[in-house]
Amino acid sequence: MSLSRRGFLAGLPLFLAACATNNDQAKYAAIPEEKFPLDKVPVEKIKPELRRTEVAYETPHPAGTIVVDTPARRLYYVLGNGRAMRYGIGVGRNGYSLAGWAHVGRKAEWPNWTPSPNMIRTHPEKNLKYAGGVPGGPNNPLGARAMYLYQNGHDTMFRIHGTNQPQSIGLAMSSGCVRMMNHDVIDLYERVSVGDRVYIIQGVRDV
């Protein structure tokens, strides 16, 4: 049976949507080989614009730079040649933000987490009980990976990290850190080296 041109064009968007969905399903499939195995992510519950994807991205920053666009709730890993890998992120509430240049001072897989002194001081009822630290694992708020941001050789106490609350991606509700879905932070972690530069945009986009 022949397919008319009109029928082919009508069906093309559905075909492309199916391909995109299948591709996203592969990106967010289960990762059983992890120290703490990760289940697949139900991609239908994630807005398409928050899913990891390579995009056109013009920037003066060289390949290997991480750009955190806080107002847009997006993180870009610059690939060069006008391209970047884009990730949806969760960001800090007003008053809990880092801005300008930093660099990745260290990296960790399934990191331990200890609330900062400021977090304990401002919300002792919530954070004091964790002052001794929380070991890495599926219930740890830093998720599967963490990249620790430094300025002038000092730990800023801000991190790019995974999360066990994927529903927070796209929102401003963290204590200043940059949250990513665990599958996404694993992907970024493999691309990033200690020493890589990070630019955090706050307010008006100036890059």
C-alpha atoms as a PDB file:
ATOM      1  CA  MET A   1       0.000   0.000   0.000  1.00  0.00           C
ATOM      2  CA  SER A   2       1.434   3.390  -0.956  1.00  0.00           C
ATOM      3  CA  LEU A   3       1.636   6.284   1.497  1.00  0.00           C
ATOM      4  CA  SER A   4       0.692   9.732   0.234  1.00  0.00           C
ATOM      5  CA  ARG A   5       3.001  12.682   0.818  1.00  0.00           C
ATOM      6  CA  ARG A   6       0.325  14.326   2.966  1.00  0.00           C
ATOM      7  CA  GLY A   7      -0.035  11.195   5.063  1.00  0.00           C
ATOM      8  CA  PHE A   8       3.739  10.912   5.455  1.00  0.00           C
ATOM      9  CA  LEU A   9       4.093  14.534   6.565  1.00  0.00           C
ATOM     10  CA  ALA A  10       1.170  14.192   8.966  1.00  0.00           C
ATOM     11  CA  GLY A  11       2.783  11.192  10.611  1.00  0.00           C
ATOM     12  CA  LEU A  12       6.302  12.650  10.719  1.00  0.00           C
ATOM     13  CA  PRO A  13       5.905  14.674  13.957  1.00  0.00           C
ATOM     14  CA  LEU A  14       4.624  11.613  15.786  1.00  0.00           C
ATOM     15  CA  PHE A  15       7.515   9.554  14.431  1.00  0.00           C
ATOM     16  CA  LEU A  16      10.059  12.160  15.515  1.00  0.00           C
ATOM     17  CA  ALA A  17       8.433  12.470  18.933  1.00  0.00           C
ATOM     18  CA  ALA A  18       8.643   8.707  19.375  1.00  0.00           C
ATOM     19  CA  CYS A  19      12.338   8.766  18.427  1.00  0.00           C
ATOM     20  CA  ALA A  20      13.011  11.567  20.912  1.00  0.00           C
ATOM     21  CA  THR A  21      11.168   9.698  23.639  1.00  0.00           C
ATOM     22  CA  ASN A  22      13.096   6.513  22.941  1.00  0.00           C
ATOM     23  CA  ASN A  23      16.364   8.443  23.032  1.00  0.00           C
ATOM     24  CA  ASP A  24      15.444  10.011  26.366  1.00  0.00           C
ATOM     25  CA  GLN A  25      14.447   6.629  27.741  1.00  0.00           C
ATOM     26  CA  ALA A  26      17.915   5.337  26.881  1.00  0.00           C
ATOM     27  CA  LYS A  27      19.555   8.309  28.639  1.00  0.00           C
ATOM     28  CA  TYR A  28      17.530   7.681  31.782  1.00  0.00           C
ATOM     29  CA  ALA A  29      17.529   3.884  31.813  1.00  0.00           C
ATOM     30  CA  ALA A  30      18.360   1.933  34.974  1.00  0.00           C
ATOM     31  CA  ILE A  31      22.034   1.887  36.000  1.00  0.00           C
ATOM     32  CA  PRO A  32      22.409  -1.389  37.928  1.00  0.00           C
ATOM     33  CA  GLU A  33      26.225  -1.250  38.013  1.00  0.00           C
ATOM     34  CA  GLU A  34      26.292   1.776  40.312  1.00  0.00           C
ATOM     35  CA  LYS A  35      27.451   1.291  43.924  1.00  0.00           C
ATOM     36  CA  PHE A  36      23.852   2.059  44.796  1.00  0.00           C
ATOM     37  CA  PRO A  37      21.882   0.936  41.709  1.00  0.00           C
ATOM     38  CA  LEU A  38      19.667   3.557  40.118  1.00  0.00           C
ATOM     39  CA  ASP A  39      16.214   2.797  38.765  1.00  0.00           C
ATOM     40  CA  LYS A  40      15.156   4.154  35.415  1.00  0.00           C
ATOM     41  CA  VAL A  41      13.644   7.619  35.431  1.00  0.00           C
ATOM     42  CA  PRO A  42      10.048   7.857  34.117  1.00  0.00           C
ATOM     43  CA  VAL A  43      10.849  10.419  31.423  1.00  0.00           C
ATOM     44  CA  GLU A  44       7.179  11.153  30.788  1.00  0.00           C
ATOM     45  CA  LYS A  45       7.168  12.877  34.186  1.00  0.00           C
ATOM     46  CA  ILE A  46      10.072  15.176  33.222  1.00  0.00           C
ATOM     47  CA  LYS A  47       9.398  18.207  31.069  1.00  0.00           C
ATOM     48  CA  PRO A  48      11.222  17.819  27.730  1.00  0.00           C
ATOM     49  CA  GLU A  49      13.115  21.077  28.261  1.00  0.00           C
ATOM     50  CA  LEU A  50      14.574  19.723  31.517  1.00  0.00           C
ATOM     51  CA  ARG A  51      15.960  16.564  29.955  1.00  0.00           C
ATOM     52  CA  ARG A  52      19.626  16.286  29.051  1.00  0.00           C
ATOM     53  CA  THR A  53      20.230  17.210  25.428  1.00  0.00           C
ATOM     54  CA  GLU A  54      22.913  18.659  23.161  1.00  0.00           C
ATOM     55  CA  VAL A  55      21.954  22.109  21.896  1.00  0.00           C
ATOM     56  CA  ALA A  56      23.282  25.060  19.925  1.00  0.00           C
ATOM     57  CA  TYR A  57      24.908  27.444  22.398  1.00  0.00           C
ATOM     58  CA  GLU A  58      26.898  30.532  21.514  1.00  0.00           C
ATOM     59  CA  THR A  59      29.228  31.625  24.301  1.00  0.00           C
ATOM     60  CA  PRO A  60      32.647  33.276  24.619  1.00  0.00           C
ATOM     61  CA  HIS A  61      33.702  30.585  27.089  1.00  0.00           C
ATOM     62  CA  PRO A  62      35.952  27.756  25.863  1.00  0.00           C
ATOM     63  CA  ALA A  63      35.071  24.085  25.691  1.00  0.00           C
ATOM     64  CA  GLY A  64      35.115  22.486  29.120  1.00  0.00           C
ATOM     65  CA  THR A  65      33.500  25.464  30.886  1.00  0.00           C
ATOM     66  CA  ILE A  66      30.389  24.885  32.984  1.00  0.00           C
ATOM     67  CA  VAL A  67      27.841  27.703  32.770  1.00  0.00           C
ATOM     68  CA  VAL A  68      25.081  27.697  35.397  1.00  0.00           C
ATOM     69  CA  ASP A  69      22.187  29.852  34.190  1.00  0.00           C
ATOM     70  CA  THR A  70      20.341  30.268  37.482  1.00  0.00           C
ATOM     71  CA  PRO A  71      17.362  32.330  36.195  1.00  0.00           C
ATOM     72  CA  ALA A  72      16.710  29.795  33.417  1.00  0.00           C
ATOM     73  CA  ARG A  73      17.244  26.748  35.683  1.00  0.00           C
ATOM     74  CA  ARG A  74      19.723  25.331  33.167  1.00  0.00           C
ATOM     75  CA  LEU A  75      23.332  24.169  33.272  1.00  0.00           C
ATOM     76  CA  TYR A  76      25.449  24.093  30.120  1.00  0.00           C
ATOM     77  CA  TYR A  77      28.644  22.131  29.621  1.00  0.00           C
ATOM     78  CA  VAL A  78      30.380  23.900  26.740  1.00  0.00           C
ATOM     79  CA  LEU A  79      31.423  21.465  24.013  1.00  0.00           C
ATOM     80  CA  GLY A  80      32.850  24.055  21.622  1.00  0.00           C
ATOM     81  CA  ASN A  81      31.983  24.891  18.021  1.00  0.00           C
ATOM     82  CA  GLY A  82      28.750  26.553  19.135  1.00  0.00           C
ATOM     83  CA  ARG A  83      27.435  23.481  20.954  1.00  0.00           C
ATOM     84  CA  ALA A  84      26.782  22.555  24.580  1.00  0.00           C
ATOM     85  CA  MET A  85      25.219  19.804  26.620  1.00  0.00           C
ATOM     86  CA  ARG A  86      22.209  21.276  28.419  1.00  0.00           C
ATOM     87  CA  TYR A  87      20.801  19.947  31.686  1.00  0.00           C
ATOM     88  CA  GLY A  88      17.781  20.972  33.757  1.00  0.00           C
ATOM     89  CA  ILE A  89      18.727  21.937  37.312  1.00  0.00           C
ATOM     90  CA  GLY A  90      17.282  22.990  40.643  1.00  0.00           C
ATOM     91  CA  VAL A  91      18.806  26.109  42.184  1.00  0.00           C
ATOM     92  CA  GLY A  92      19.012  27.993  45.472  1.00  0.00           C
ATOM     93  CA  ARG A  93      16.278  30.051  47.033  1.00  0.00           C
ATOM     94  CA  ASN A  94      16.644  33.843  47.043  1.00  0.00           C
ATOM     95  CA  GLY A  95      19.509  34.767  49.323  1.00  0.00           C
ATOM     96  CA  TYR A  96      21.213  31.391  48.912  1.00  0.00           C
ATOM     97  CA  SER A  97      23.243  31.894  45.769  1.00  0.00           C
ATOM     98  CA  LEU A  98      26.760  31.896  44.401  1.00  0.00           C
ATOM     99  CA  ALA A  99      27.623  34.191  41.505  1.00  0.00           C
ATOM    100  CA  GLY A 100      30.521  34.747  39.143  1.00  0.00           C
ATOM    101  CA  TRP A 101      33.531  32.542  38.564  1.00  0.00           C
ATOM    102  CA  ALA A 102      34.485  29.439  40.507  1.00  0.00           C
ATOM    103  CA  HIS A 103      36.255  26.207  39.699  1.00  0.00           C
ATOM    104  CA  VAL A 104      35.806  22.523  40.470  1.00  0.00           C
ATOM    105  CA  GLY A 105      38.039  21.972  43.482  1.00  0.00           C
ATOM    106  CA  ARG A 106      37.279  18.297  43.902  1.00  0.00           C
ATOM    107  CA  LYS A 107      34.858  15.566  42.851  1.00  0.00           C
ATOM    108  CA  ALA A 108      33.264  12.666  44.702  1.00  0.00           C
ATOM    109  CA  GLU A 109      31.127   9.640  43.888  1.00  0.00           C
ATOM    110  CA  TRP A 110      28.246   8.950  46.268  1.00  0.00           C
ATOM    111  CA  PRO A 111      29.625  11.614  48.611  1.00  0.00           C
ATOM    112  CA  ASN A 112      29.061  12.081  52.301  1.00  0.00           C
ATOM    113  CA  TRP A 113      27.078  15.170  53.284  1.00  0.00           C
ATOM    114  CA  THR A 114      27.440  17.443  56.268  1.00  0.00           C
ATOM    115  CA  PRO A 115      25.278  20.572  56.609  1.00  0.00           C
ATOM    116  CA  SER A 116      27.272  23.797  56.551  1.00  0.00           C
ATOM    117  CA  PRO A 117      27.556  25.898  59.730  1.00  0.00           C
ATOM    118  CA  ASN A 118      25.225  28.425  58.123  1.00  0.00           C
ATOM    119  CA  MET A 119      22.613  25.743  57.425  1.00  0.00           C
ATOM    120  CA  ILE A 120      22.797  24.566  61.038  1.00  0.00           C
ATOM    121  CA  ARG A 121      22.604  28.125  62.347  1.00  0.00           C
ATOM    122  CA  THR A 122      19.621  29.161  60.215  1.00  0.00           C
ATOM    123  CA  HIS A 123      17.640  25.897  60.459  1.00  0.00           C
ATOM    124  CA  PRO A 124      18.861  24.004  63.553  1.00  0.00           C
ATOM    125  CA  GLU A 125      15.598  22.095  63.918  1.00  0.00           C
ATOM    126  CA  LYS A 126      16.158  20.582  60.482  1.00  0.00           C
ATOM    127  CA  ASN A 127      19.938  20.254  60.189  1.00  0.00           C
ATOM    128  CA  LEU A 128      21.501  19.961  63.648  1.00  0.00           C
ATOM    129  CA  LYS A 129      20.777  16.236  63.818  1.00  0.00           C
ATOM    130  CA  TYR A 130      22.950  15.753  60.719  1.00  0.00           C
ATOM    131  CA  ALA A 131      25.936  17.692  62.070  1.00  0.00           C
ATOM    132  CA  GLY A 132      27.941  14.474  62.313  1.00  0.00           C
ATOM    133  CA  GLY A 133      27.478  13.829  58.601  1.00  0.00           C
ATOM    134  CA  VAL A 134      25.373  11.538  56.444  1.00  0.00           C
ATOM    135  CA  PRO A 135      27.100   8.692  54.574  1.00  0.00           C
ATOM    136  CA  GLY A 136      26.782   8.416  50.815  1.00  0.00           C
ATOM    137  CA  GLY A 137      23.813   6.478  49.500  1.00  0.00           C
ATOM    138  CA  PRO A 138      20.336   6.752  48.018  1.00  0.00           C
ATOM    139  CA  ASN A 139      19.058   8.795  50.974  1.00  0.00           C
ATOM    140  CA  ASN A 140      21.929  11.280  50.911  1.00  0.00           C
ATOM    141  CA  PRO A 141      20.870  14.744  49.672  1.00  0.00           C
ATOM    142  CA  LEU A 142      23.979  15.030  47.458  1.00  0.00           C
ATOM    143  CA  GLY A 143      22.897  12.063  45.362  1.00  0.00           C
ATOM    144  CA  ALA A 144      25.192  10.022  43.153  1.00  0.00           C
ATOM    145  CA  ARG A 145      27.930  12.581  42.463  1.00  0.00           C
ATOM    146  CA  ALA A 146      29.153  15.944  43.690  1.00  0.00           C
ATOM    147  CA  MET A 147      31.481  18.586  42.258  1.00  0.00           C
ATOM    148  CA  TYR A 148      32.715  21.017  44.900  1.00  0.00           C
ATOM    149  CA  LEU A 149      33.035  24.659  43.880  1.00  0.00           C
ATOM    150  CA  TYR A 150      36.014  26.706  45.027  1.00  0.00           C
ATOM    151  CA  GLN A 151      36.932  30.395  44.731  1.00  0.00           C
ATOM    152  CA  ASN A 152      40.454  31.718  45.384  1.00  0.00           C
ATOM    153  CA  GLY A 153      41.501  28.326  46.691  1.00  0.00           C
ATOM    154  CA  HIS A 154      38.715  28.125  49.273  1.00  0.00           C
ATOM    155  CA  ASP A 155      35.666  25.876  49.419  1.00  0.00           C
ATOM    156  CA  THR A 156      32.569  28.002  48.804  1.00  0.00           C
ATOM    157  CA  MET A 157      30.343  25.330  50.401  1.00  0.00           C
ATOM    158  CA  PHE A 158      28.357  25.258  47.146  1.00  0.00           C
ATOM    159  CA  ARG A 159      28.159  22.078  45.081  1.00  0.00           C
ATOM    160  CA  ILE A 160      26.862  20.767  41.806  1.00  0.00           C
ATOM    161  CA  HIS A 161      25.325  17.492  42.879  1.00  0.00           C
ATOM    162  CA  GLY A 162      22.707  14.838  42.324  1.00  0.00           C
ATOM    163  CA  THR A 163      19.464  14.625  44.227  1.00  0.00           C
ATOM    164  CA  ASN A 164      17.012  12.097  45.598  1.00  0.00           C
ATOM    165  CA  GLN A 165      14.262  14.666  44.935  1.00  0.00           C
ATOM    166  CA  PRO A 166      14.001  14.775  41.128  1.00  0.00           C
ATOM    167  CA  GLN A 167      10.754  16.729  41.446  1.00  0.00           C
ATOM    168  CA  SER A 168      12.868  19.718  42.569  1.00  0.00           C
ATOM    169  CA  ILE A 169      14.537  20.042  39.157  1.00  0.00           C
ATOM    170  CA  GLY A 170      13.449  23.293  37.525  1.00  0.00           C
ATOM    171  CA  LEU A 171      12.657  24.920  40.881  1.00  0.00           C
ATOM    172  CA  ALA A 172      14.410  27.310  43.289  1.00  0.00           C
ATOM    173  CA  MET A 173      14.321  25.516  46.621  1.00  0.00           C
ATOM    174  CA  SER A 174      17.817  24.303  47.559  1.00  0.00           C
ATOM    175  CA  SER A 175      20.216  25.847  50.079  1.00  0.00           C
ATOM    176  CA  GLY A 176      22.164  27.434  47.256  1.00  0.00           C
ATOM    177  CA  CYS A 177      23.605  24.362  45.577  1.00  0.00           C
ATOM    178  CA  VAL A 178      22.922  23.254  42.019  1.00  0.00           C
ATOM    179  CA  ARG A 179      20.834  20.083  41.896  1.00  0.00           C
ATOM    180  CA  MET A 180      20.720  17.668  38.976  1.00  0.00           C
ATOM    181  CA  MET A 181      18.963  14.382  38.370  1.00  0.00           C
ATOM    182  CA  ASN A 182      21.308  11.571  39.350  1.00  0.00           C
ATOM    183  CA  HIS A 183      21.537  10.294  35.773  1.00  0.00           C
ATOM    184  CA  ASP A 184      22.491  13.778  34.600  1.00  0.00           C
ATOM    185  CA  VAL A 185      25.061  14.473  37.289  1.00  0.00           C
ATOM    186  CA  ILE A 186      26.765  11.159  36.466  1.00  0.00           C
ATOM    187  CA  ASP A 187      26.956  12.223  32.818  1.00  0.00           C
ATOM    188  CA  LEU A 188      28.389  15.647  33.738  1.00  0.00           C
ATOM    189  CA  TYR A 189      30.796  14.139  36.265  1.00  0.00           C
ATOM    190  CA  GLU A 190      32.387  12.012  33.536  1.00  0.00           C
ATOM    191  CA  ARG A 191      32.972  15.109  31.380  1.00  0.00           C
ATOM    192  CA  VAL A 192      34.378  17.368  34.108  1.00  0.00           C
ATOM    193  CA  SER A 193      37.918  17.474  35.505  1.00  0.00           C
ATOM    194  CA  VAL A 194      39.161  19.021  38.736  1.00  0.00           C
ATOM    195  CA  GLY A 195      40.212  22.560  37.900  1.00  0.00           C
ATOM    196  CA  ASP A 196      37.526  23.157  35.260  1.00  0.00           C
ATOM    197  CA  ARG A 197      36.027  26.635  35.421  1.00  0.00           C
ATOM    198  CA  VAL A 198      32.427  27.311  36.374  1.00  0.00           C
ATOM    199  CA  TYR A 199      30.501  30.511  35.657  1.00  0.00           C
ATOM    200  CA  ILE A 200      27.309  31.113  37.648  1.00  0.00           C
ATOM    201  CA  ILE A 201      24.838  33.617  36.209  1.00  0.00           C
ATOM    202  CA  GLN A 202      22.519  35.409  38.619  1.00  0.00           C
ATOM    203  CA  GLY A 203      19.879  37.936  37.560  1.00  0.00           C
ATOM    204  CA  VAL A 204      20.476  39.469  34.121  1.00  0.00           C
ATOM    205  CA  ARG A 205      22.268  37.090  31.767  1.00  0.00           C
ATOM    206  CA  ASP A 206      25.586  38.711  30.937  1.00  0.00           C
ATOM    207  CA  VAL A 207      27.197  36.017  28.816  1.00  0.00           C
END
